[in-house]
Every structure is written in C-alpha cells, then in structure tokens.
Amino acid sequence: MELTRRSAIILGASALFVTGLPKQGAAAATSDELIAAFTGGAEVGAGDIKLTAPEIAENGNTVPIEVSSGTATEILVLAMGNPTPSVATFKFGTLAASRAASTRIRLAGTQDVVAIAKLEDGSFVKASSTVKVTIGGCGG
C-alpha cells in the first residue's frame, strides 16, 4: 500500500479521534471514594443542610430534588445505588443571594440520595433521603 497525503491525513485524524475516546476499562468511582475526595477525608456531621426528595417516585427517569443550606459554599449530590453515583455539584459564591438548588435526577431503583455540603467554616454536613422507585430508571 502506498502512503499518500490523503491516507496520512485520514490516519492522523483517526489517531486523534481514538485518543479522545473515554477509557472503557476504567471503573467508576464508588460513592465512598467520591465522598472522601469531596471532603478530603474530613469527618461529615449533621447540621445546616436540607435535602427534599419524594418518598415514592413513580418514574425513576425524572425524580425532583432540592438542596439548600444557609452557609454552604459547595453541595455534592449522590445517588448511592446508581452505576455512576455522582449526580451534581453546586457551587455558591460569597455574593449568592440563595444557597439552594433544585434539579431532576435519574435513579436506577429504590435507593438513598445523599447531599453533602461544605460550609463556610470548612466543615462538612450531610443529609440523606430514601426514594422508592416504582418503575423505570436508568438500567432497569
């Protein structure tokens, strides 16, 4: 086979494409690893954080949740039973009028939803809620 300019360009573009693909062999981080990375290994207590989630979700594809805290600088939301537990991270600046967020998440089935907040003083607090999913969801 003769190497032409056209085949060299195609070969180079293919190589760039392949290097940009995500690695399929890499395992997803567990929820404990995500919590440890977020807190830096610090102890997580209870306190200034509120997590609102439905007790029963009729459809696991769209489960509404709300998190709020008066003094949080960052809030991490995890769905402990999902294949990829990390759902969202909300960051709040010093001039934030409200330190609250709401979104819809996807749940694989009945599981705990956990919110961990990093407070202004550097401490961490946690709130959790069990959501019972009746149908649908990711993965089943």
C-alpha atoms as a PDB file:
ATOM      1  CA  MET A   1       0.000   0.000   0.000  1.00  0.00           C
ATOM      2  CA  GLU A   2       1.301   3.379  -0.935  1.00  0.00           C
ATOM      3  CA  LEU A   3       1.134   6.161   1.665  1.00  0.00           C
ATOM      4  CA  THR A   4      -0.405   9.218   0.073  1.00  0.00           C
ATOM      5  CA  ARG A   5      -1.091  12.594   1.601  1.00  0.00           C
ATOM      6  CA  ARG A   6      -4.813  11.760   1.803  1.00  0.00           C
ATOM      7  CA  SER A   7      -4.217   8.461   3.635  1.00  0.00           C
ATOM      8  CA  ALA A   8      -1.752  10.169   6.021  1.00  0.00           C
ATOM      9  CA  ILE A   9      -4.380  12.796   6.913  1.00  0.00           C
ATOM     10  CA  ILE A  10      -7.014  10.103   7.476  1.00  0.00           C
ATOM     11  CA  LEU A  11      -4.601   8.080   9.606  1.00  0.00           C
ATOM     12  CA  GLY A  12      -3.705  11.131  11.722  1.00  0.00           C
ATOM     13  CA  ALA A  13      -7.336  12.148  12.203  1.00  0.00           C
ATOM     14  CA  SER A  14      -8.216   8.588  13.227  1.00  0.00           C
ATOM     15  CA  ALA A  15      -5.392   8.538  15.775  1.00  0.00           C
ATOM     16  CA  LEU A  16      -6.603  11.838  17.294  1.00  0.00           C
ATOM     17  CA  PHE A  17     -10.164  10.516  17.464  1.00  0.00           C
ATOM     18  CA  VAL A  18      -9.152   7.284  19.199  1.00  0.00           C
ATOM     19  CA  THR A  19      -7.037   9.077  21.833  1.00  0.00           C
ATOM     20  CA  GLY A  20     -10.001  11.320  22.686  1.00  0.00           C
ATOM     21  CA  LEU A  21     -12.372   8.420  23.435  1.00  0.00           C
ATOM     22  CA  PRO A  22     -13.059   7.620  27.116  1.00  0.00           C
ATOM     23  CA  LYS A  23     -11.380   4.562  28.532  1.00  0.00           C
ATOM     24  CA  GLN A  24     -13.898   1.705  28.756  1.00  0.00           C
ATOM     25  CA  GLY A  25     -11.798  -0.349  31.174  1.00  0.00           C
ATOM     26  CA  ALA A  26     -11.738   2.315  33.878  1.00  0.00           C
ATOM     27  CA  ALA A  27     -14.092   1.502  36.744  1.00  0.00           C
ATOM     28  CA  ALA A  28     -16.488   4.136  38.027  1.00  0.00           C
ATOM     29  CA  ALA A  29     -15.619   5.602  41.397  1.00  0.00           C
ATOM     30  CA  THR A  30     -17.638   4.289  44.314  1.00  0.00           C
ATOM     31  CA  SER A  31     -19.731   6.598  46.458  1.00  0.00           C
ATOM     32  CA  ASP A  32     -17.283   6.258  49.372  1.00  0.00           C
ATOM     33  CA  GLU A  33     -14.395   7.315  47.123  1.00  0.00           C
ATOM     34  CA  LEU A  34     -16.397  10.308  45.855  1.00  0.00           C
ATOM     35  CA  ILE A  35     -17.244  11.387  49.408  1.00  0.00           C
ATOM     36  CA  ALA A  36     -13.610  11.032  50.503  1.00  0.00           C
ATOM     37  CA  ALA A  37     -12.433  13.071  47.503  1.00  0.00           C
ATOM     38  CA  PHE A  38     -15.002  15.812  48.193  1.00  0.00           C
ATOM     39  CA  THR A  39     -14.322  16.054  51.935  1.00  0.00           C
ATOM     40  CA  GLY A  40     -10.600  15.395  51.785  1.00  0.00           C
ATOM     41  CA  GLY A  41     -11.076  12.672  54.391  1.00  0.00           C
ATOM     42  CA  ALA A  42     -12.681  15.036  56.934  1.00  0.00           C
ATOM     43  CA  GLU A  43     -15.467  13.845  59.190  1.00  0.00           C
ATOM     44  CA  VAL A  44     -19.021  14.507  57.990  1.00  0.00           C
ATOM     45  CA  GLY A  45     -21.613  15.517  60.580  1.00  0.00           C
ATOM     46  CA  ALA A  46     -25.230  16.633  60.583  1.00  0.00           C
ATOM     47  CA  GLY A  47     -26.355  20.224  60.504  1.00  0.00           C
ATOM     48  CA  ASP A  48     -27.065  23.096  58.142  1.00  0.00           C
ATOM     49  CA  ILE A  49     -28.310  21.247  55.041  1.00  0.00           C
ATOM     50  CA  LYS A  50     -31.756  20.302  53.826  1.00  0.00           C
ATOM     51  CA  LEU A  51     -32.473  17.696  51.146  1.00  0.00           C
ATOM     52  CA  THR A  52     -36.003  17.453  49.783  1.00  0.00           C
ATOM     53  CA  ALA A  53     -36.842  14.382  47.700  1.00  0.00           C
ATOM     54  CA  PRO A  54     -40.076  12.446  47.220  1.00  0.00           C
ATOM     55  CA  GLU A  55     -40.621   9.360  49.347  1.00  0.00           C
ATOM     56  CA  ILE A  56     -42.050   7.498  46.329  1.00  0.00           C
ATOM     57  CA  ALA A  57     -41.144   8.261  42.720  1.00  0.00           C
ATOM     58  CA  GLU A  58     -43.483   6.840  40.107  1.00  0.00           C
ATOM     59  CA  ASN A  59     -40.846   7.222  37.419  1.00  0.00           C
ATOM     60  CA  GLY A  60     -37.124   6.805  38.101  1.00  0.00           C
ATOM     61  CA  ASN A  61     -36.235   8.801  34.980  1.00  0.00           C
ATOM     62  CA  THR A  62     -37.216  12.174  36.486  1.00  0.00           C
ATOM     63  CA  VAL A  63     -37.054  12.450  40.250  1.00  0.00           C
ATOM     64  CA  PRO A  64     -37.219  16.061  41.531  1.00  0.00           C
ATOM     65  CA  ILE A  65     -34.854  17.011  44.362  1.00  0.00           C
ATOM     66  CA  GLU A  66     -33.952  20.234  46.161  1.00  0.00           C
ATOM     67  CA  VAL A  67     -30.941  21.019  48.345  1.00  0.00           C
ATOM     68  CA  SER A  68     -30.390  24.097  50.461  1.00  0.00           C
ATOM     69  CA  SER A  69     -28.090  25.392  53.151  1.00  0.00           C
ATOM     70  CA  GLY A  70     -27.638  28.779  54.751  1.00  0.00           C
ATOM     71  CA  THR A  71     -23.835  28.684  54.845  1.00  0.00           C
ATOM     72  CA  ALA A  72     -22.760  26.191  52.162  1.00  0.00           C
ATOM     73  CA  THR A  73     -20.073  27.034  49.637  1.00  0.00           C
ATOM     74  CA  GLU A  74     -20.483  23.721  47.790  1.00  0.00           C
ATOM     75  CA  ILE A  75     -23.048  20.905  47.774  1.00  0.00           C
ATOM     76  CA  LEU A  76     -22.402  17.410  46.355  1.00  0.00           C
ATOM     77  CA  VAL A  77     -25.422  15.226  45.475  1.00  0.00           C
ATOM     78  CA  LEU A  78     -25.019  11.442  45.165  1.00  0.00           C
ATOM     79  CA  ALA A  79     -27.422   8.658  44.172  1.00  0.00           C
ATOM     80  CA  MET A  80     -25.885   5.780  46.095  1.00  0.00           C
ATOM     81  CA  GLY A  81     -27.414   2.931  44.038  1.00  0.00           C
ATOM     82  CA  ASN A  82     -26.707   4.289  40.551  1.00  0.00           C
ATOM     83  CA  PRO A  83     -23.910   2.812  38.415  1.00  0.00           C
ATOM     84  CA  THR A  84     -22.365   6.317  38.454  1.00  0.00           C
ATOM     85  CA  PRO A  85     -23.289   7.745  41.869  1.00  0.00           C
ATOM     86  CA  SER A  86     -22.218  11.357  41.276  1.00  0.00           C
ATOM     87  CA  VAL A  87     -25.295  13.383  40.287  1.00  0.00           C
ATOM     88  CA  ALA A  88     -24.365  17.050  40.686  1.00  0.00           C
ATOM     89  CA  THR A  89     -22.113  19.530  42.444  1.00  0.00           C
ATOM     90  CA  PHE A  90     -23.435  23.011  43.136  1.00  0.00           C
ATOM     91  CA  LYS A  91     -21.012  25.826  43.991  1.00  0.00           C
ATOM     92  CA  PHE A  92     -22.079  29.078  45.640  1.00  0.00           C
ATOM     93  CA  GLY A  93     -20.078  32.299  45.745  1.00  0.00           C
ATOM     94  CA  THR A  94     -19.906  34.718  48.659  1.00  0.00           C
ATOM     95  CA  LEU A  95     -22.441  37.026  46.985  1.00  0.00           C
ATOM     96  CA  ALA A  96     -25.017  34.285  46.334  1.00  0.00           C
ATOM     97  CA  ALA A  97     -28.454  35.518  47.369  1.00  0.00           C
ATOM     98  CA  SER A  98     -29.713  31.996  47.939  1.00  0.00           C
ATOM     99  CA  ARG A  99     -27.718  28.849  48.594  1.00  0.00           C
ATOM    100  CA  ALA A 100     -30.251  26.433  47.198  1.00  0.00           C
ATOM    101  CA  ALA A 101     -30.628  24.393  44.024  1.00  0.00           C
ATOM    102  CA  SER A 102     -33.204  22.101  42.507  1.00  0.00           C
ATOM    103  CA  THR A 103     -32.993  19.634  39.658  1.00  0.00           C
ATOM    104  CA  ARG A 104     -34.379  16.358  38.388  1.00  0.00           C
ATOM    105  CA  ILE A 105     -32.230  13.256  38.673  1.00  0.00           C
ATOM    106  CA  ARG A 106     -32.371   9.734  37.306  1.00  0.00           C
ATOM    107  CA  LEU A 107     -32.442   6.811  39.710  1.00  0.00           C
ATOM    108  CA  ALA A 108     -31.749   3.177  38.852  1.00  0.00           C
ATOM    109  CA  GLY A 109     -34.149   1.933  41.511  1.00  0.00           C
ATOM    110  CA  THR A 110     -35.048   2.353  45.170  1.00  0.00           C
ATOM    111  CA  GLN A 111     -32.030   3.903  46.879  1.00  0.00           C
ATOM    112  CA  ASP A 112     -30.634   6.619  49.120  1.00  0.00           C
ATOM    113  CA  VAL A 113     -29.984  10.102  47.774  1.00  0.00           C
ATOM    114  CA  VAL A 114     -27.267  11.881  49.757  1.00  0.00           C
ATOM    115  CA  ALA A 115     -26.290  15.559  49.849  1.00  0.00           C
ATOM    116  CA  ILE A 116     -23.017  16.687  51.435  1.00  0.00           C
ATOM    117  CA  ALA A 117     -22.343  20.384  51.974  1.00  0.00           C
ATOM    118  CA  LYS A 118     -19.038  22.116  52.546  1.00  0.00           C
ATOM    119  CA  LEU A 119     -19.761  25.012  54.874  1.00  0.00           C
ATOM    120  CA  GLU A 120     -18.011  28.394  55.048  1.00  0.00           C
ATOM    121  CA  ASP A 121     -16.043  27.322  58.134  1.00  0.00           C
ATOM    122  CA  GLY A 122     -14.607  24.299  56.270  1.00  0.00           C
ATOM    123  CA  SER A 123     -16.721  21.659  57.993  1.00  0.00           C
ATOM    124  CA  PHE A 124     -18.932  19.151  56.179  1.00  0.00           C
ATOM    125  CA  VAL A 125     -22.545  18.180  56.858  1.00  0.00           C
ATOM    126  CA  LYS A 126     -24.734  15.505  55.322  1.00  0.00           C
ATOM    127  CA  ALA A 127     -28.414  14.863  54.679  1.00  0.00           C
ATOM    128  CA  SER A 128     -29.976  11.802  53.070  1.00  0.00           C
ATOM    129  CA  SER A 129     -33.354  10.603  51.895  1.00  0.00           C
ATOM    130  CA  THR A 130     -34.566   7.198  50.707  1.00  0.00           C
ATOM    131  CA  VAL A 131     -36.523   7.301  47.444  1.00  0.00           C
ATOM    132  CA  LYS A 132     -38.644   4.310  46.450  1.00  0.00           C
ATOM    133  CA  VAL A 133     -38.799   3.998  42.652  1.00  0.00           C
ATOM    134  CA  THR A 134     -41.796   2.079  41.303  1.00  0.00           C
ATOM    135  CA  ILE A 135     -40.943   1.906  37.555  1.00  0.00           C
ATOM    136  CA  GLY A 136     -38.302   2.942  35.029  1.00  0.00           C
ATOM    137  CA  GLY A 137     -34.982   4.482  35.933  1.00  0.00           C
ATOM    138  CA  CYS A 138     -31.525   4.047  34.496  1.00  0.00           C
ATOM    139  CA  GLY A 139     -30.551   0.458  33.981  1.00  0.00           C
ATOM    140  CA  GLY A 140     -33.924  -1.130  34.551  1.00  0.00           C
END
